[in-house]
C-alpha atoms as a PDB file:
ATOM      1  CA  MET A   1     125.603   7.826 138.519  1.00  0.00           C
ATOM      2  CA  ASN A   2     129.271   8.440 136.772  1.00  0.00           C
ATOM      3  CA  ALA A   3     132.007   9.014 138.834  1.00  0.00           C
ATOM      4  CA  VAL A   4     131.778  12.752 139.516  1.00  0.00           C
ATOM      5  CA  SER A   5     128.179  13.008 140.094  1.00  0.00           C
ATOM      6  CA  LYS A   6     129.189  10.765 142.546  1.00  0.00           C
ATOM      7  CA  GLU A   7     131.752  12.196 144.076  1.00  0.00           C
ATOM      8  CA  SER A   8     130.256  15.456 143.568  1.00  0.00           C
ATOM      9  CA  ASN A   9     127.109  13.929 145.745  1.00  0.00           C
ATOM     10  CA  GLU A  10     130.073  13.436 148.379  1.00  0.00           C
ATOM     11  CA  LEU A  11     131.033  16.757 148.675  1.00  0.00           C
ATOM     12  CA  SER A  12     127.583  18.563 148.686  1.00  0.00           C
ATOM     13  CA  ALA A  13     127.373  15.880 151.856  1.00  0.00           C
ATOM     14  CA  LYS A  14     130.144  16.469 153.676  1.00  0.00           C
ATOM     15  CA  ARG A  15     129.452  20.748 152.744  1.00  0.00           C
ATOM     16  CA  ILE A  16     126.141  20.172 154.390  1.00  0.00           C
ATOM     17  CA  ALA A  17     127.107  17.535 157.482  1.00  0.00           C
ATOM     18  CA  LEU A  18     129.724  21.021 158.703  1.00  0.00           C
ATOM     19  CA  GLN A  19     127.337  23.185 158.094  1.00  0.00           C
ATOM     20  CA  ASN A  20     124.550  21.528 160.008  1.00  0.00           C
ATOM     21  CA  THR A  21     127.718  21.558 163.214  1.00  0.00           C
ATOM     22  CA  PHE A  22     128.437  25.073 162.747  1.00  0.00           C
ATOM     23  CA  LYS A  23     124.723  25.999 163.477  1.00  0.00           C
ATOM     24  CA  LYS A  24     125.317  23.325 166.320  1.00  0.00           C
ATOM     25  CA  PHE A  25     128.411  24.465 168.191  1.00  0.00           C
ATOM     26  CA  ASN A  26     126.809  28.473 168.051  1.00  0.00           C
ATOM     27  CA  GLU A  27     123.176  27.504 169.368  1.00  0.00           C
ATOM     28  CA  THR A  28     125.037  25.804 171.879  1.00  0.00           C
ATOM     29  CA  ASN A  29     127.812  28.581 172.511  1.00  0.00           C
ATOM     30  CA  GLY A  30     126.531  31.123 170.712  1.00  0.00           C
ATOM     31  CA  PHE A  31     128.439  33.536 167.793  1.00  0.00           C
ATOM     32  CA  SER A  32     131.430  35.137 168.561  1.00  0.00           C
ATOM     33  CA  TYR A  33     132.079  37.678 165.785  1.00  0.00           C
ATOM     34  CA  GLU A  34     135.892  37.628 167.653  1.00  0.00           C
ATOM     35  CA  GLU A  35     136.358  34.356 167.380  1.00  0.00           C
ATOM     36  CA  TRP A  36     135.352  34.343 164.089  1.00  0.00           C
ATOM     37  CA  VAL A  37     137.668  36.778 162.535  1.00  0.00           C
ATOM     38  CA  ASN A  38     140.750  35.323 164.801  1.00  0.00           C
ATOM     39  CA  PRO A  39     139.882  32.075 166.118  1.00  0.00           C
ATOM     40  CA  PRO A  40     142.409  30.465 168.549  1.00  0.00           C
ATOM     41  CA  VAL A  41     144.382  27.856 167.823  1.00  0.00           C
ATOM     42  CA  GLY A  42     142.359  24.572 167.821  1.00  0.00           C
ATOM     43  CA  HIS A  43     139.378  26.648 168.316  1.00  0.00           C
ATOM     44  CA  PHE A  44     136.147  25.209 166.339  1.00  0.00           C
ATOM     45  CA  TYR A  45     135.737  28.454 163.987  1.00  0.00           C
ATOM     46  CA  GLU A  46     139.425  27.714 162.485  1.00  0.00           C
ATOM     47  CA  GLY A  47     139.275  24.189 162.327  1.00  0.00           C
ATOM     48  CA  TYR A  48     135.509  24.899 160.933  1.00  0.00           C
ATOM     49  CA  LYS A  49     136.932  27.059 157.654  1.00  0.00           C
ATOM     50  CA  GLN A  50     139.537  25.104 156.689  1.00  0.00           C
ATOM     51  CA  GLU A  51     137.607  21.609 156.724  1.00  0.00           C
ATOM     52  CA  LEU A  52     134.662  24.720 154.233  1.00  0.00           C
ATOM     53  CA  GLU A  53     137.474  25.183 152.280  1.00  0.00           C
ATOM     54  CA  GLU A  54     139.637  22.313 151.444  1.00  0.00           C
ATOM     55  CA  ILE A  55     135.303  21.132 150.257  1.00  0.00           C
ATOM     56  CA  ASN A  56     135.323  24.458 148.294  1.00  0.00           C
ATOM     57  CA  ASN A  57     138.190  24.135 146.638  1.00  0.00           C
ATOM     58  CA  GLN A  58     137.717  20.083 145.440  1.00  0.00           C
ATOM     59  CA  MET A  59     134.208  21.309 144.253  1.00  0.00           C
ATOM     60  CA  ALA A  60     135.318  24.212 142.757  1.00  0.00           C
ATOM     61  CA  PRO A  61     139.005  24.290 142.097  1.00  0.00           C
ATOM     62  CA  PRO A  62     140.547  28.277 141.995  1.00  0.00           C
ATOM     63  CA  LEU A  63     140.743  29.307 138.707  1.00  0.00           C
ATOM     64  CA  GLN A  64     144.341  29.559 137.460  1.00  0.00           C
ATOM     65  CA  TYR A  65     145.855  31.933 135.189  1.00  0.00           C
ATOM     66  CA  GLN A  66     148.516  31.629 132.285  1.00  0.00           C
ATOM     67  CA  SER A  67     151.026  34.626 131.944  1.00  0.00           C
END
């Protein structure tokens, strides 16, 4: 397996694990749209969104336009 495939598999596994924690959190605490949109500092949703964005940016980096 080449390095790119290995990294991609690791990122996919991290993303799935993160999504499972999201699911468990919501099963235990219920989903709050208000907290999802504007999470309090240190709230689970805040950390979840940040970590998910980091993983997504590694898997598919944002496009950079040339002028």
